[in-house]
Structures are given as structure tokens and as C-alpha cells.
Amino acid sequence: MIPKTFKILNHTIEIEFDNEHCLQNQCFGQFLTRENKIILADKYKTKKGWRKYKDPIIEHVFYHELTHCILYYMNHDLWDNEDFVDRFAGLLAQTLEKNESIEIDRGNGIGDSSGIT
């Protein structure tokens, strides 16, 4: 799932699909630091017209650009290291993909000073 926006350190980051931008910049996606925007492509141009990328490719690119964004706002030296970012993004995407989840008991913790039931 790709959000329309998200917040990081109180900055609102917008996600936008812009195939022409990605074609002109020869990329699948791009994090624009000054605009607080992630641009993604969901289609690519062929001799016969535009073709849609498969969803797993689009999702991987989102996690790749999200990783750039997180590292940028952490002021981390590796924020623009494509190899590191791509590997980290792949691990992040794999960790967050749709897996079986557990329910968290949000009880009020009465009678238990630890809040753990």
C-alpha cells in the first residue's frame, strides 16, 4: 500500500505518480528534497505506447524513495547511496509486506501496574 502523504519530523511528504517526470529523468521514482515529494512511475513508455509496471515493482520503488527520505531527514551520509538505499528498502519492504499479524490487547491495564495483561 502506498500512501498519498505521510509525515516525517513534522514534514508532510506527498507521493505523486508522474510518468513523464520519470521518463525525462530516466528513473523509476525520485525523492525531491526541496519539495518534500516522492515521485513514482506506474507506467513506462514503449514503441507501442505506455505499459503498466507490475505492483511489486512500484511498491519496491516506493520503499526505495521512502528510505532516501528517512535517511535524508536523519542527516545520514548514506541518504544518497543508491546501493545501500536499495538494499535497505528491499529489507524494509520484505519486513512490512502482508504477513499474518497479531492483535494487541489495548485493555486499560486496571489491576496491573505494568500495563501488561
C-alpha atoms as a PDB file:
ATOM      1  CA  MET A   1       0.000   0.000   0.000  1.00  0.00           C
ATOM      2  CA  ILE A   2       1.345   3.384  -0.986  1.00  0.00           C
ATOM      3  CA  PRO A   3       0.020   6.365   0.985  1.00  0.00           C
ATOM      4  CA  LYS A   4      -0.911   9.687  -0.614  1.00  0.00           C
ATOM      5  CA  THR A   5       1.049  11.520   2.101  1.00  0.00           C
ATOM      6  CA  PHE A   6       2.945  10.769   5.291  1.00  0.00           C
ATOM      7  CA  LYS A   7       4.689  12.806   7.975  1.00  0.00           C
ATOM      8  CA  ILE A   8       8.316  12.615   8.950  1.00  0.00           C
ATOM      9  CA  LEU A   9       9.711  15.007  11.578  1.00  0.00           C
ATOM     10  CA  ASN A  10       6.552  17.086  11.100  1.00  0.00           C
ATOM     11  CA  HIS A  11       7.183  17.461   7.357  1.00  0.00           C
ATOM     12  CA  THR A  12       4.355  16.293   5.144  1.00  0.00           C
ATOM     13  CA  ILE A  13       5.703  14.232   2.255  1.00  0.00           C
ATOM     14  CA  GLU A  14       3.448  13.949  -0.791  1.00  0.00           C
ATOM     15  CA  ILE A  15       3.503  10.958  -3.114  1.00  0.00           C
ATOM     16  CA  GLU A  16       2.679  11.616  -6.735  1.00  0.00           C
ATOM     17  CA  PHE A  17       2.638   9.479  -9.876  1.00  0.00           C
ATOM     18  CA  ASP A  18       4.273  11.283 -12.784  1.00  0.00           C
ATOM     19  CA  ASN A  19       5.366   9.025 -15.615  1.00  0.00           C
ATOM     20  CA  GLU A  20       6.601  11.881 -17.795  1.00  0.00           C
ATOM     21  CA  HIS A  21       8.880  13.159 -14.995  1.00  0.00           C
ATOM     22  CA  CYS A  22      10.359   9.697 -14.544  1.00  0.00           C
ATOM     23  CA  LEU A  23      10.800   9.253 -18.300  1.00  0.00           C
ATOM     24  CA  GLN A  24      12.619  12.602 -18.592  1.00  0.00           C
ATOM     25  CA  ASN A  25      14.799  11.863 -15.543  1.00  0.00           C
ATOM     26  CA  GLN A  26      15.392   8.223 -16.510  1.00  0.00           C
ATOM     27  CA  CYS A  27      14.182   6.907 -13.161  1.00  0.00           C
ATOM     28  CA  PHE A  28      11.501   4.720 -11.632  1.00  0.00           C
ATOM     29  CA  GLY A  29      10.992   7.239  -8.841  1.00  0.00           C
ATOM     30  CA  GLN A  30      12.633  10.182  -7.133  1.00  0.00           C
ATOM     31  CA  PHE A  31      12.628  11.868  -3.717  1.00  0.00           C
ATOM     32  CA  LEU A  32      12.606  15.638  -4.210  1.00  0.00           C
ATOM     33  CA  THR A  33      14.129  17.059  -1.028  1.00  0.00           C
ATOM     34  CA  ARG A  34      13.183  20.700  -1.580  1.00  0.00           C
ATOM     35  CA  GLU A  35       9.589  19.872  -2.435  1.00  0.00           C
ATOM     36  CA  ASN A  36       9.040  17.154   0.188  1.00  0.00           C
ATOM     37  CA  LYS A  37       7.704  14.954  -2.560  1.00  0.00           C
ATOM     38  CA  ILE A  38       8.210  11.404  -3.773  1.00  0.00           C
ATOM     39  CA  ILE A  39       7.505  10.954  -7.452  1.00  0.00           C
ATOM     40  CA  LEU A  40       6.817   7.462  -8.758  1.00  0.00           C
ATOM     41  CA  ALA A  41       6.188   5.959 -12.162  1.00  0.00           C
ATOM     42  CA  ASP A  42       3.450   3.390 -12.607  1.00  0.00           C
ATOM     43  CA  LYS A  43       3.927   3.153 -16.378  1.00  0.00           C
ATOM     44  CA  TYR A  44       6.800   3.156 -18.841  1.00  0.00           C
ATOM     45  CA  LYS A  45       6.883   4.164 -22.471  1.00  0.00           C
ATOM     46  CA  THR A  46       7.429   1.647 -25.260  1.00  0.00           C
ATOM     47  CA  LYS A  47       7.311   1.986 -29.028  1.00  0.00           C
ATOM     48  CA  LYS A  48       3.659   0.884 -28.851  1.00  0.00           C
ATOM     49  CA  GLY A  49       2.667   3.231 -26.022  1.00  0.00           C
ATOM     50  CA  TRP A  50       2.592   3.209 -22.228  1.00  0.00           C
ATOM     51  CA  ARG A  51       2.717  -0.083 -20.300  1.00  0.00           C
ATOM     52  CA  LYS A  52       1.948  -0.540 -16.610  1.00  0.00           C
ATOM     53  CA  TYR A  53       4.637  -1.658 -14.170  1.00  0.00           C
ATOM     54  CA  LYS A  54       3.702  -4.630 -12.007  1.00  0.00           C
ATOM     55  CA  ASP A  55       2.614  -3.682  -8.484  1.00  0.00           C
ATOM     56  CA  PRO A  56       5.640  -5.271  -6.721  1.00  0.00           C
ATOM     57  CA  ILE A  57       7.975  -3.057  -8.785  1.00  0.00           C
ATOM     58  CA  ILE A  58       6.037   0.099  -7.918  1.00  0.00           C
ATOM     59  CA  GLU A  59       5.976  -0.862  -4.240  1.00  0.00           C
ATOM     60  CA  HIS A  60       9.723  -1.554  -4.194  1.00  0.00           C
ATOM     61  CA  VAL A  61      10.399   1.844  -5.754  1.00  0.00           C
ATOM     62  CA  PHE A  62       8.192   3.480  -3.119  1.00  0.00           C
ATOM     63  CA  TYR A  63      10.184   1.836  -0.303  1.00  0.00           C
ATOM     64  CA  HIS A  64      13.412   2.844  -2.055  1.00  0.00           C
ATOM     65  CA  GLU A  65      12.360   6.508  -2.170  1.00  0.00           C
ATOM     66  CA  LEU A  66      10.962   6.308   1.372  1.00  0.00           C
ATOM     67  CA  THR A  67      14.384   5.107   2.531  1.00  0.00           C
ATOM     68  CA  HIS A  68      16.049   8.073   0.798  1.00  0.00           C
ATOM     69  CA  CYS A  69      13.584  10.342   2.621  1.00  0.00           C
ATOM     70  CA  ILE A  70      14.111   8.796   6.060  1.00  0.00           C
ATOM     71  CA  LEU A  71      17.903   8.864   5.768  1.00  0.00           C
ATOM     72  CA  TYR A  72      17.819  12.440   4.442  1.00  0.00           C
ATOM     73  CA  TYR A  73      15.849  13.640   7.467  1.00  0.00           C
ATOM     74  CA  MET A  74      18.201  11.700   9.747  1.00  0.00           C
ATOM     75  CA  ASN A  75      21.019  13.693   8.118  1.00  0.00           C
ATOM     76  CA  HIS A  76      22.674  10.364   7.376  1.00  0.00           C
ATOM     77  CA  ASP A  77      25.636  10.246   4.976  1.00  0.00           C
ATOM     78  CA  LEU A  78      24.156   7.244   3.147  1.00  0.00           C
ATOM     79  CA  TRP A  79      20.924   9.004   2.158  1.00  0.00           C
ATOM     80  CA  ASP A  80      22.060   9.244  -1.476  1.00  0.00           C
ATOM     81  CA  ASN A  81      23.992   5.954  -1.677  1.00  0.00           C
ATOM     82  CA  GLU A  82      21.905   4.010  -4.206  1.00  0.00           C
ATOM     83  CA  ASP A  83      23.307   0.556  -3.339  1.00  0.00           C
ATOM     84  CA  PHE A  84      22.716   0.978   0.405  1.00  0.00           C
ATOM     85  CA  VAL A  85      19.297   2.549  -0.070  1.00  0.00           C
ATOM     86  CA  ASP A  86      18.155  -0.189  -2.444  1.00  0.00           C
ATOM     87  CA  ARG A  87      19.269  -2.994  -0.141  1.00  0.00           C
ATOM     88  CA  PHE A  88      17.734  -1.365   2.933  1.00  0.00           C
ATOM     89  CA  ALA A  89      14.497  -0.631   1.063  1.00  0.00           C
ATOM     90  CA  GLY A  90      14.260  -4.245  -0.050  1.00  0.00           C
ATOM     91  CA  LEU A  91      14.614  -5.434   3.536  1.00  0.00           C
ATOM     92  CA  LEU A  92      12.074  -2.871   4.739  1.00  0.00           C
ATOM     93  CA  ALA A  93       9.555  -3.872   2.075  1.00  0.00           C
ATOM     94  CA  GLN A  94      10.016  -7.561   2.844  1.00  0.00           C
ATOM     95  CA  THR A  95       9.514  -6.941   6.566  1.00  0.00           C
ATOM     96  CA  LEU A  96       6.351  -4.878   6.060  1.00  0.00           C
ATOM     97  CA  GLU A  97       4.719  -6.971   3.348  1.00  0.00           C
ATOM     98  CA  LYS A  98       1.371  -8.511   4.146  1.00  0.00           C
ATOM     99  CA  ASN A  99       2.075 -11.149   6.759  1.00  0.00           C
ATOM    100  CA  GLU A 100      -0.099 -12.696   9.405  1.00  0.00           C
ATOM    101  CA  SER A 101      -0.489 -10.180  12.208  1.00  0.00           C
ATOM    102  CA  ILE A 102      -1.277 -10.361  15.897  1.00  0.00           C
ATOM    103  CA  GLU A 103      -3.894  -8.456  17.818  1.00  0.00           C
ATOM    104  CA  ILE A 104      -2.637  -6.082  20.511  1.00  0.00           C
ATOM    105  CA  ASP A 105      -4.747  -6.064  23.651  1.00  0.00           C
ATOM    106  CA  ARG A 106      -5.464  -2.389  24.276  1.00  0.00           C
ATOM    107  CA  GLY A 107      -7.054  -3.058  27.676  1.00  0.00           C
ATOM    108  CA  ASN A 108      -6.938  -0.351  30.312  1.00  0.00           C
ATOM    109  CA  GLY A 109      -4.499  -2.327  32.497  1.00  0.00           C
ATOM    110  CA  ILE A 110      -6.611  -1.995  35.673  1.00  0.00           C
ATOM    111  CA  GLY A 111      -5.145  -4.158  38.401  1.00  0.00           C
ATOM    112  CA  ASP A 112      -1.818  -4.476  36.646  1.00  0.00           C
ATOM    113  CA  SER A 113       0.713  -1.739  37.316  1.00  0.00           C
ATOM    114  CA  SER A 114       2.863  -2.828  34.370  1.00  0.00           C
ATOM    115  CA  GLY A 115       0.042  -2.361  31.862  1.00  0.00           C
ATOM    116  CA  ILE A 116       0.787  -5.849  30.537  1.00  0.00           C
ATOM    117  CA  THR A 117      -2.073  -8.331  30.619  1.00  0.00           C
END
